[in-house]
Amino acid sequence: MHADIQPNILHWLWLHNAMSTGIWAAFAKYRQIKPLLRDRALLRMCYDASKETLELCRLRGVDLGQYGEVTTFKLPFWLFYIYSIPTTKVCSATQLMRQTVCSKPKSTMMRS
């Protein structure tokens, strides 16, 4: 493990607060991910607010190109929305697919 020392901690803080404030504002309404993801209008508004605050960071001198995590907000909203699906759902779907594809049903297995 190594320390992640930022060359300009003030810019790093501005950037990360700008990216998360909009999403946390939406999360404050529902306090759960599933209902939040169902409210596309609110999620869209918060996504746009985060993009707007990132632009303010850029205008204040933050080089957004130095931070890879900003690419999430360069996506079109529909792709951001798909990307926002909780990891647990993706993992569950992956596990289900593995079970379906990798394991043969008992009825099709050869009997000896």
N, C-alpha and C. Protein backbone atom coordinates (compact mmCIF):
# COMPACT_ATOMS: atom_id res chain seq x y z
N MET A 1 0.84 -1.16 0.00
CA MET A 1 0.00 0.00 0.00
C MET A 1 0.89 1.24 0.00
N HIS A 2 0.50 2.24 -0.75
CA HIS A 2 1.28 3.46 -0.80
C HIS A 2 0.36 4.68 -0.64
N ALA A 3 0.92 5.77 -0.20
CA ALA A 3 0.16 7.01 -0.01
C ALA A 3 -0.16 7.64 -1.36
N ASP A 4 -1.37 8.12 -1.50
CA ASP A 4 -1.79 8.81 -2.72
C ASP A 4 -1.70 10.32 -2.45
N ILE A 5 -0.53 10.87 -2.70
CA ILE A 5 -0.29 12.29 -2.42
C ILE A 5 -0.55 13.09 -3.70
N GLN A 6 -1.51 13.97 -3.62
CA GLN A 6 -1.91 14.76 -4.78
C GLN A 6 -1.00 15.98 -4.93
N PRO A 7 -0.63 16.33 -6.17
CA PRO A 7 0.22 17.51 -6.37
C PRO A 7 -0.47 18.81 -5.95
N ASN A 8 -1.79 18.88 -6.11
CA ASN A 8 -2.54 20.06 -5.70
C ASN A 8 -3.79 19.57 -4.97
N ILE A 9 -3.70 19.45 -3.67
CA ILE A 9 -4.79 18.89 -2.88
C ILE A 9 -6.06 19.76 -2.96
N LEU A 10 -5.90 21.07 -3.09
CA LEU A 10 -7.06 21.94 -3.19
C LEU A 10 -7.87 21.63 -4.45
N HIS A 11 -7.19 21.47 -5.57
CA HIS A 11 -7.88 21.12 -6.81
C HIS A 11 -8.53 19.75 -6.71
N TRP A 12 -7.83 18.82 -6.08
CA TRP A 12 -8.37 17.47 -5.91
C TRP A 12 -9.65 17.50 -5.08
N LEU A 13 -9.63 18.30 -4.01
CA LEU A 13 -10.82 18.42 -3.15
C LEU A 13 -11.98 19.09 -3.89
N TRP A 14 -11.70 20.17 -4.61
CA TRP A 14 -12.74 20.84 -5.39
C TRP A 14 -13.38 19.86 -6.35
N LEU A 15 -12.53 19.16 -7.07
CA LEU A 15 -12.99 18.23 -8.10
C LEU A 15 -13.88 17.13 -7.51
N HIS A 16 -13.43 16.50 -6.45
CA HIS A 16 -14.20 15.39 -5.89
C HIS A 16 -15.49 15.86 -5.21
N ASN A 17 -15.46 17.04 -4.63
CA ASN A 17 -16.71 17.59 -4.09
C ASN A 17 -17.67 17.96 -5.22
N ALA A 18 -17.15 18.50 -6.30
CA ALA A 18 -17.99 18.86 -7.44
C ALA A 18 -18.66 17.63 -8.06
N MET A 19 -17.91 16.54 -8.16
CA MET A 19 -18.47 15.33 -8.75
C MET A 19 -19.52 14.68 -7.86
N SER A 20 -19.32 14.74 -6.57
CA SER A 20 -20.21 13.98 -5.68
C SER A 20 -21.38 14.77 -5.12
N THR A 21 -21.29 16.07 -5.05
CA THR A 21 -22.34 16.86 -4.40
C THR A 21 -23.69 16.67 -5.07
N GLY A 22 -23.73 16.71 -6.38
CA GLY A 22 -25.01 16.53 -7.08
C GLY A 22 -25.63 15.18 -6.80
N ILE A 23 -24.83 14.14 -6.83
CA ILE A 23 -25.35 12.79 -6.60
C ILE A 23 -25.78 12.62 -5.14
N TRP A 24 -25.01 13.16 -4.21
CA TRP A 24 -25.39 13.05 -2.79
C TRP A 24 -26.66 13.84 -2.51
N ALA A 25 -26.89 14.93 -3.22
CA ALA A 25 -28.13 15.67 -3.05
C ALA A 25 -29.33 14.80 -3.43
N ALA A 26 -29.20 14.05 -4.49
CA ALA A 26 -30.27 13.14 -4.90
C ALA A 26 -30.41 12.00 -3.89
N PHE A 27 -29.30 11.50 -3.42
CA PHE A 27 -29.32 10.40 -2.46
C PHE A 27 -30.00 10.83 -1.15
N ALA A 28 -29.88 12.11 -0.79
CA ALA A 28 -30.51 12.62 0.43
C ALA A 28 -32.03 12.51 0.37
N LYS A 29 -32.60 12.58 -0.82
CA LYS A 29 -34.04 12.48 -0.95
C LYS A 29 -34.54 11.08 -0.63
N TYR A 30 -33.87 10.06 -1.16
CA TYR A 30 -34.36 8.69 -1.03
C TYR A 30 -33.61 7.86 0.02
N ARG A 31 -32.36 8.17 0.22
CA ARG A 31 -31.49 7.44 1.17
C ARG A 31 -31.30 5.97 0.81
N GLN A 32 -31.66 5.61 -0.39
CA GLN A 32 -31.43 4.26 -0.91
C GLN A 32 -31.16 4.38 -2.41
N ILE A 33 -30.35 3.45 -2.91
CA ILE A 33 -29.97 3.52 -4.32
C ILE A 33 -31.12 3.15 -5.26
N LYS A 34 -31.84 2.09 -4.97
CA LYS A 34 -32.88 1.62 -5.90
C LYS A 34 -33.93 2.69 -6.22
N PRO A 35 -34.54 3.35 -5.22
CA PRO A 35 -35.52 4.39 -5.56
C PRO A 35 -34.88 5.57 -6.30
N LEU A 36 -33.64 5.88 -5.95
CA LEU A 36 -32.94 6.98 -6.63
C LEU A 36 -32.78 6.66 -8.11
N LEU A 37 -32.39 5.44 -8.43
CA LEU A 37 -32.19 5.09 -9.83
C LEU A 37 -33.50 5.02 -10.62
N ARG A 38 -34.62 4.88 -9.92
CA ARG A 38 -35.92 4.89 -10.61
C ARG A 38 -36.35 6.31 -10.98
N ASP A 39 -35.83 7.31 -10.27
CA ASP A 39 -36.18 8.72 -10.52
C ASP A 39 -35.18 9.31 -11.51
N ARG A 40 -35.41 9.00 -12.77
CA ARG A 40 -34.48 9.44 -13.82
C ARG A 40 -34.39 10.96 -13.91
N ALA A 41 -35.51 11.64 -13.68
CA ALA A 41 -35.51 13.11 -13.79
C ALA A 41 -34.59 13.72 -12.72
N LEU A 42 -34.69 13.23 -11.50
CA LEU A 42 -33.83 13.74 -10.43
C LEU A 42 -32.38 13.38 -10.69
N LEU A 43 -32.14 12.15 -11.12
CA LEU A 43 -30.78 11.73 -11.41
C LEU A 43 -30.18 12.58 -12.53
N ARG A 44 -31.00 12.88 -13.54
CA ARG A 44 -30.55 13.73 -14.65
C ARG A 44 -30.17 15.13 -14.15
N MET A 45 -31.02 15.68 -13.26
CA MET A 45 -30.75 17.01 -12.73
C MET A 45 -29.44 17.02 -11.94
N CYS A 46 -29.22 15.99 -11.15
CA CYS A 46 -28.01 15.93 -10.34
C CYS A 46 -26.77 15.69 -11.20
N TYR A 47 -26.94 14.90 -12.26
CA TYR A 47 -25.85 14.67 -13.21
C TYR A 47 -25.45 16.00 -13.86
N ASP A 48 -26.45 16.75 -14.30
CA ASP A 48 -26.19 18.05 -14.92
C ASP A 48 -25.55 19.02 -13.93
N ALA A 49 -26.00 18.98 -12.68
CA ALA A 49 -25.42 19.86 -11.65
C ALA A 49 -23.95 19.51 -11.42
N SER A 50 -23.65 18.22 -11.41
CA SER A 50 -22.25 17.81 -11.22
C SER A 50 -21.38 18.27 -12.39
N LYS A 51 -21.92 18.14 -13.61
CA LYS A 51 -21.17 18.61 -14.78
C LYS A 51 -20.93 20.12 -14.69
N GLU A 52 -21.95 20.84 -14.23
CA GLU A 52 -21.83 22.28 -14.11
C GLU A 52 -20.78 22.68 -13.07
N THR A 53 -20.75 21.98 -11.95
CA THR A 53 -19.76 22.30 -10.93
C THR A 53 -18.35 21.90 -11.38
N LEU A 54 -18.25 20.86 -12.20
CA LEU A 54 -16.94 20.53 -12.78
C LEU A 54 -16.45 21.64 -13.70
N GLU A 55 -17.38 22.24 -14.42
CA GLU A 55 -17.02 23.37 -15.28
C GLU A 55 -16.53 24.55 -14.44
N LEU A 56 -17.16 24.77 -13.29
CA LEU A 56 -16.70 25.83 -12.38
C LEU A 56 -15.28 25.53 -11.90
N CYS A 57 -14.99 24.26 -11.62
CA CYS A 57 -13.63 23.88 -11.22
C CYS A 57 -12.64 24.21 -12.33
N ARG A 58 -13.04 23.88 -13.56
CA ARG A 58 -12.16 24.16 -14.70
C ARG A 58 -11.89 25.65 -14.81
N LEU A 59 -12.93 26.46 -14.64
CA LEU A 59 -12.79 27.91 -14.72
C LEU A 59 -11.92 28.45 -13.58
N ARG A 60 -11.86 27.74 -12.46
CA ARG A 60 -11.02 28.15 -11.33
C ARG A 60 -9.58 27.66 -11.48
N GLY A 61 -9.29 26.95 -12.57
CA GLY A 61 -7.92 26.56 -12.84
C GLY A 61 -7.59 25.09 -12.69
N VAL A 62 -8.59 24.26 -12.38
CA VAL A 62 -8.33 22.83 -12.24
C VAL A 62 -8.18 22.22 -13.63
N ASP A 63 -7.11 21.48 -13.84
CA ASP A 63 -6.90 20.77 -15.11
C ASP A 63 -7.64 19.44 -15.02
N LEU A 64 -8.85 19.41 -15.58
CA LEU A 64 -9.69 18.21 -15.48
C LEU A 64 -9.07 17.00 -16.15
N GLY A 65 -8.20 17.23 -17.10
CA GLY A 65 -7.53 16.14 -17.81
C GLY A 65 -6.59 15.33 -16.93
N GLN A 66 -6.20 15.86 -15.79
CA GLN A 66 -5.31 15.14 -14.88
C GLN A 66 -6.04 14.11 -14.03
N TYR A 67 -7.35 14.15 -14.07
CA TYR A 67 -8.15 13.29 -13.20
C TYR A 67 -9.05 12.37 -14.04
N GLY A 68 -8.70 11.10 -14.07
CA GLY A 68 -9.44 10.14 -14.87
C GLY A 68 -10.89 9.94 -14.44
N GLU A 69 -11.17 10.18 -13.15
CA GLU A 69 -12.52 9.97 -12.66
C GLU A 69 -13.54 10.94 -13.26
N VAL A 70 -13.07 12.00 -13.90
CA VAL A 70 -13.96 12.97 -14.53
C VAL A 70 -14.63 12.38 -15.78
N THR A 71 -14.04 11.34 -16.36
CA THR A 71 -14.60 10.76 -17.59
C THR A 71 -16.03 10.26 -17.40
N THR A 72 -16.41 9.92 -16.18
CA THR A 72 -17.79 9.50 -15.91
C THR A 72 -18.77 10.59 -16.32
N PHE A 73 -18.40 11.84 -16.13
CA PHE A 73 -19.30 12.95 -16.45
C PHE A 73 -19.11 13.46 -17.87
N LYS A 74 -18.28 12.80 -18.64
CA LYS A 74 -18.18 13.11 -20.06
C LYS A 74 -19.10 12.20 -20.87
N LEU A 75 -19.63 11.18 -20.22
CA LEU A 75 -20.54 10.25 -20.88
C LEU A 75 -21.87 10.94 -21.15
N PRO A 76 -22.58 10.53 -22.20
CA PRO A 76 -23.94 11.03 -22.36
C PRO A 76 -24.79 10.48 -21.19
N PHE A 77 -25.86 11.18 -20.85
CA PHE A 77 -26.62 10.80 -19.67
C PHE A 77 -27.11 9.35 -19.72
N TRP A 78 -27.59 8.90 -20.87
CA TRP A 78 -28.14 7.54 -20.94
C TRP A 78 -27.07 6.51 -20.58
N LEU A 79 -25.83 6.75 -20.99
CA LEU A 79 -24.75 5.84 -20.67
C LEU A 79 -24.34 5.97 -19.19
N PHE A 80 -24.36 7.18 -18.69
CA PHE A 80 -24.10 7.41 -17.27
C PHE A 80 -25.14 6.65 -16.43
N TYR A 81 -26.39 6.69 -16.88
CA TYR A 81 -27.48 6.03 -16.16
C TYR A 81 -27.24 4.51 -16.13
N ILE A 82 -26.88 3.94 -17.25
CA ILE A 82 -26.60 2.50 -17.30
C ILE A 82 -25.39 2.18 -16.43
N TYR A 83 -24.39 3.04 -16.46
CA TYR A 83 -23.17 2.87 -15.67
C TYR A 83 -23.46 2.96 -14.17
N SER A 84 -24.55 3.65 -13.82
CA SER A 84 -24.90 3.87 -12.41
C SER A 84 -25.60 2.70 -11.76
N ILE A 85 -25.93 1.66 -12.52
CA ILE A 85 -26.60 0.50 -11.94
C ILE A 85 -25.71 -0.06 -10.84
N PRO A 86 -26.29 -0.31 -9.68
CA PRO A 86 -25.46 -0.79 -8.56
C PRO A 86 -24.67 -2.04 -8.92
N THR A 87 -23.47 -2.10 -8.42
CA THR A 87 -22.58 -3.21 -8.69
C THR A 87 -23.19 -4.53 -8.24
N THR A 88 -23.99 -4.50 -7.20
CA THR A 88 -24.58 -5.74 -6.71
C THR A 88 -25.48 -6.36 -7.76
N LYS A 89 -26.22 -5.54 -8.50
CA LYS A 89 -27.07 -6.08 -9.56
C LYS A 89 -26.22 -6.68 -10.67
N VAL A 90 -25.15 -5.99 -11.03
CA VAL A 90 -24.28 -6.49 -12.09
C VAL A 90 -23.65 -7.80 -11.66
N CYS A 91 -23.20 -7.87 -10.41
CA CYS A 91 -22.59 -9.11 -9.91
C CYS A 91 -23.61 -10.22 -9.88
N SER A 92 -24.84 -9.92 -9.45
CA SER A 92 -25.88 -10.94 -9.40
C SER A 92 -26.18 -11.46 -10.80
N ALA A 93 -26.26 -10.56 -11.77
CA ALA A 93 -26.53 -10.98 -13.15
C ALA A 93 -25.39 -11.82 -13.68
N THR A 94 -24.16 -11.45 -13.36
CA THR A 94 -23.00 -12.21 -13.80
C THR A 94 -23.00 -13.60 -13.19
N GLN A 95 -23.31 -13.68 -11.90
CA GLN A 95 -23.37 -14.98 -11.25
C GLN A 95 -24.46 -15.84 -11.85
N LEU A 96 -25.62 -15.26 -12.13
CA LEU A 96 -26.72 -16.01 -12.73
C LEU A 96 -26.33 -16.52 -14.10
N MET A 97 -25.66 -15.65 -14.89
CA MET A 97 -25.24 -16.05 -16.22
C MET A 97 -24.24 -17.20 -16.13
N ARG A 98 -23.31 -17.13 -15.21
CA ARG A 98 -22.33 -18.21 -15.05
C ARG A 98 -23.02 -19.51 -14.69
N GLN A 99 -24.01 -19.44 -13.82
CA GLN A 99 -24.72 -20.64 -13.42
C GLN A 99 -25.47 -21.22 -14.61
N THR A 100 -26.07 -20.35 -15.41
CA THR A 100 -26.86 -20.81 -16.54
C THR A 100 -25.97 -21.38 -17.64
N VAL A 101 -24.88 -20.69 -17.94
CA VAL A 101 -24.01 -21.09 -19.04
C VAL A 101 -23.06 -22.21 -18.64
N CYS A 102 -22.51 -22.13 -17.45
CA CYS A 102 -21.45 -23.05 -17.05
C CYS A 102 -21.95 -24.35 -16.45
N SER A 103 -23.14 -24.36 -15.92
CA SER A 103 -23.62 -25.61 -15.33
C SER A 103 -24.75 -26.17 -16.16
N LYS A 104 -24.64 -27.42 -16.46
CA LYS A 104 -25.67 -28.08 -17.27
C LYS A 104 -26.81 -28.51 -16.36
N PRO A 105 -28.03 -28.38 -16.82
CA PRO A 105 -29.15 -28.88 -16.04
C PRO A 105 -29.02 -30.40 -15.88
N LYS A 106 -29.52 -30.92 -14.78
CA LYS A 106 -29.40 -32.35 -14.50
C LYS A 106 -30.07 -33.21 -15.56
N SER A 107 -31.14 -32.72 -16.14
CA SER A 107 -31.87 -33.52 -17.13
C SER A 107 -31.07 -33.75 -18.41
N THR A 108 -30.11 -32.88 -18.73
CA THR A 108 -29.34 -33.05 -19.96
C THR A 108 -28.02 -33.76 -19.73
N MET A 109 -27.68 -34.02 -18.48
CA MET A 109 -26.42 -34.69 -18.20
C MET A 109 -26.56 -36.18 -18.54
N MET A 110 -25.48 -36.72 -19.02
CA MET A 110 -25.49 -38.14 -19.38
C MET A 110 -25.49 -38.97 -18.11
N ARG A 111 -26.30 -40.00 -18.12
CA ARG A 111 -26.34 -40.90 -16.98
C ARG A 111 -25.49 -42.12 -17.27
N SER A 112 -24.81 -42.59 -16.26
CA SER A 112 -23.96 -43.75 -16.49
C SER A 112 -24.62 -45.03 -16.04
